Amino acid sequence: MKTNNEKGMTLVEILAALVILGIVFIGFMTIFPQMNNMNNRTETKLETMNLAKKVLADFREASPSLPTDYELMPTNANQVSERYTRSNKDYFIEVICSPREDSEFNNQKCNNSENNPDRKTDLYKIHIEVKKEEKIVSESFGYIVLD
């Protein structure tokens, strides 16, 4: 009687193991580019949210007037809200200032100019949009007191 004490793996077993490892490896490799894209979007979102908060802080610090480094966009005579813009190196910032809807002075404009010399002290709503390539990346809202 002969005993067959061969120890080891056959070529078929090795090939099957390599195929299984290859399938698992490919599954893991598709996760990394997706994680990289998600990290880039999260970083951009965080950066623009901080930028929007800084813009709101700029408007609050400039109160009772409005910051001078923003350009006032032309509006219709009957339009109450005003748009202010500023370009950053990467982003376009648009600030929309309007009186609160529940205010008794809801027809007052934010800008205290020669067209609006008797603006009343009140809370004004600030809507900040941070855009990149005409797409809104982040937005924030707040209120400021203007005299």
Protein backbone atom coordinates (compact mmCIF):
# COMPACT_ATOMS: atom_id res chain seq x y z
CA MET A 1 0.00 0.00 0.00
CA LYS A 2 1.16 3.42 -0.97
CA THR A 3 0.20 6.48 0.99
CA ASN A 4 -0.11 9.75 -0.83
CA ASN A 5 1.19 12.41 1.56
CA GLU A 6 1.53 15.28 -0.90
CA LYS A 7 1.30 18.56 0.92
CA GLY A 8 0.73 21.81 -0.92
CA MET A 9 -1.70 23.49 -3.27
CA THR A 10 -2.48 22.65 -6.83
CA LEU A 11 -2.25 25.10 -9.69
CA VAL A 12 -6.05 25.30 -9.91
CA GLU A 13 -6.33 26.25 -6.22
CA ILE A 14 -3.70 28.99 -6.62
CA LEU A 15 -5.46 30.43 -9.68
CA ALA A 16 -8.83 30.39 -7.89
CA ALA A 17 -7.30 32.22 -4.90
CA LEU A 18 -5.75 34.84 -7.22
CA VAL A 19 -9.06 35.44 -8.99
CA ILE A 20 -10.87 35.91 -5.67
CA LEU A 21 -8.16 38.29 -4.37
CA GLY A 22 -8.30 40.24 -7.65
CA ILE A 23 -12.06 40.73 -7.37
CA VAL A 24 -11.75 41.93 -3.76
CA PHE A 25 -8.83 44.25 -4.68
CA ILE A 26 -10.77 45.85 -7.57
CA GLY A 27 -13.74 46.41 -5.24
CA PHE A 28 -11.52 48.29 -2.78
CA MET A 29 -9.78 50.31 -5.50
CA THR A 30 -13.07 51.85 -6.70
CA ILE A 31 -13.66 53.30 -3.24
CA PHE A 32 -10.53 55.50 -3.17
CA PRO A 33 -11.36 57.85 -6.10
CA GLN A 34 -14.87 58.31 -4.70
CA MET A 35 -13.42 59.16 -1.28
CA ASN A 36 -11.05 61.67 -2.91
CA ASN A 37 -13.94 63.38 -4.76
CA MET A 38 -15.99 63.51 -1.56
CA ASN A 39 -13.06 65.02 0.36
CA ASN A 40 -12.58 67.69 -2.32
CA ARG A 41 -16.29 68.63 -2.27
CA THR A 42 -16.28 68.75 1.53
CA GLU A 43 -13.19 70.95 1.55
CA THR A 44 -14.76 73.34 -0.98
CA LYS A 45 -18.02 73.45 0.98
CA LEU A 46 -16.20 74.18 4.24
CA GLU A 47 -14.10 76.90 2.60
CA THR A 48 -17.13 78.62 1.08
CA MET A 49 -19.15 78.36 4.29
CA ASN A 50 -16.33 80.09 6.16
CA LEU A 51 -16.15 82.72 3.41
CA ALA A 52 -19.92 83.35 3.69
CA LYS A 53 -19.60 83.72 7.47
CA LYS A 54 -16.74 86.19 6.98
CA VAL A 55 -18.84 88.23 4.54
CA LEU A 56 -21.71 88.33 7.05
CA ALA A 57 -19.23 89.44 9.74
CA ASP A 58 -17.95 92.18 7.39
CA PHE A 59 -21.50 93.47 6.95
CA ARG A 60 -22.14 93.35 10.70
CA GLU A 61 -18.88 95.17 11.47
CA ALA A 62 -19.65 97.89 8.92
CA SER A 63 -23.10 98.42 10.44
CA PRO A 64 -24.79 100.96 10.65
CA SER A 65 -23.59 101.49 7.08
CA LEU A 66 -22.67 98.89 4.45
CA PRO A 67 -19.15 97.75 3.48
CA THR A 68 -17.57 99.87 0.77
CA ASP A 69 -15.60 97.10 -0.97
CA TYR A 70 -18.76 95.59 -2.50
CA GLU A 71 -20.22 96.82 -5.76
CA LEU A 72 -23.91 97.77 -5.73
CA MET A 73 -25.69 96.17 -8.68
CA PRO A 74 -28.37 98.23 -10.46
CA THR A 75 -31.96 97.40 -9.53
CA ASN A 76 -35.43 98.46 -10.60
CA ALA A 77 -36.93 101.48 -8.90
CA ASN A 78 -39.75 99.38 -7.42
CA GLN A 79 -37.42 96.60 -6.25
CA VAL A 80 -36.66 96.82 -2.54
CA SER A 81 -33.86 94.26 -2.25
CA GLU A 82 -30.37 95.32 -3.27
CA ARG A 83 -27.56 93.16 -4.62
CA TYR A 84 -23.91 93.68 -3.74
CA THR A 85 -21.14 91.72 -5.44
CA ARG A 86 -17.46 91.08 -4.96
CA SER A 87 -15.08 88.70 -6.68
CA ASN A 88 -12.64 86.59 -4.76
CA LYS A 89 -9.70 84.85 -6.45
CA ASP A 90 -11.76 81.64 -6.71
CA TYR A 91 -15.34 82.65 -5.95
CA PHE A 92 -17.98 85.22 -6.84
CA ILE A 93 -19.83 86.58 -3.80
CA GLU A 94 -23.33 88.00 -4.10
CA VAL A 95 -25.02 89.61 -1.12
CA ILE A 96 -28.74 90.38 -1.23
CA CYS A 97 -29.88 92.91 1.34
CA SER A 98 -33.59 93.43 1.95
CA PRO A 99 -35.86 94.54 4.77
CA ARG A 100 -37.63 91.90 6.82
CA GLU A 101 -41.07 90.98 5.51
CA ASP A 102 -42.62 91.56 8.92
CA SER A 103 -41.03 95.00 9.33
CA GLU A 104 -43.12 98.14 9.37
CA PHE A 105 -40.45 99.62 7.08
CA ASN A 106 -40.56 96.82 4.51
CA ASN A 107 -40.27 99.28 1.63
CA GLN A 108 -36.93 100.69 2.83
CA LYS A 109 -33.74 99.93 0.92
CA CYS A 110 -30.52 98.95 2.67
CA ASN A 111 -28.38 101.57 1.00
CA ASN A 112 -28.50 104.94 2.73
CA SER A 113 -27.94 107.07 -0.35
CA GLU A 114 -29.36 110.29 -1.76
CA ASN A 115 -32.36 108.25 -3.01
CA ASN A 116 -33.03 106.99 0.50
CA PRO A 117 -31.84 109.65 2.97
CA ASP A 118 -34.45 108.87 5.62
CA ARG A 119 -33.85 105.14 6.04
CA LYS A 120 -35.21 103.96 9.38
CA THR A 121 -33.21 101.94 11.92
CA ASP A 122 -34.26 98.34 11.55
CA LEU A 123 -33.08 94.78 11.04
CA TYR A 124 -32.26 93.97 7.44
CA LYS A 125 -32.04 90.47 6.03
CA ILE A 126 -28.71 89.49 4.43
CA HIS A 127 -28.61 86.56 1.99
CA ILE A 128 -25.08 85.58 0.93
CA GLU A 129 -24.43 83.35 -2.08
CA VAL A 130 -20.93 82.10 -2.83
CA LYS A 131 -20.69 80.98 -6.45
CA LYS A 132 -18.11 79.23 -8.55
CA GLU A 133 -18.62 79.20 -12.30
CA GLU A 134 -22.23 80.48 -11.95
CA LYS A 135 -23.11 77.61 -9.59
CA ILE A 136 -24.03 78.29 -5.96
CA VAL A 137 -21.53 76.43 -3.80
CA SER A 138 -22.67 77.79 -0.44
CA GLU A 139 -25.15 80.26 0.96
CA SER A 140 -25.83 81.80 4.31
CA PHE A 141 -28.42 84.07 5.89
CA GLY A 142 -28.27 86.62 8.64
CA TYR A 143 -29.62 89.92 9.92
CA ILE A 144 -27.89 93.23 10.50
CA VAL A 145 -29.02 96.46 12.13
CA LEU A 146 -28.76 99.49 9.89
CA ASP A 147 -29.32 103.04 11.12
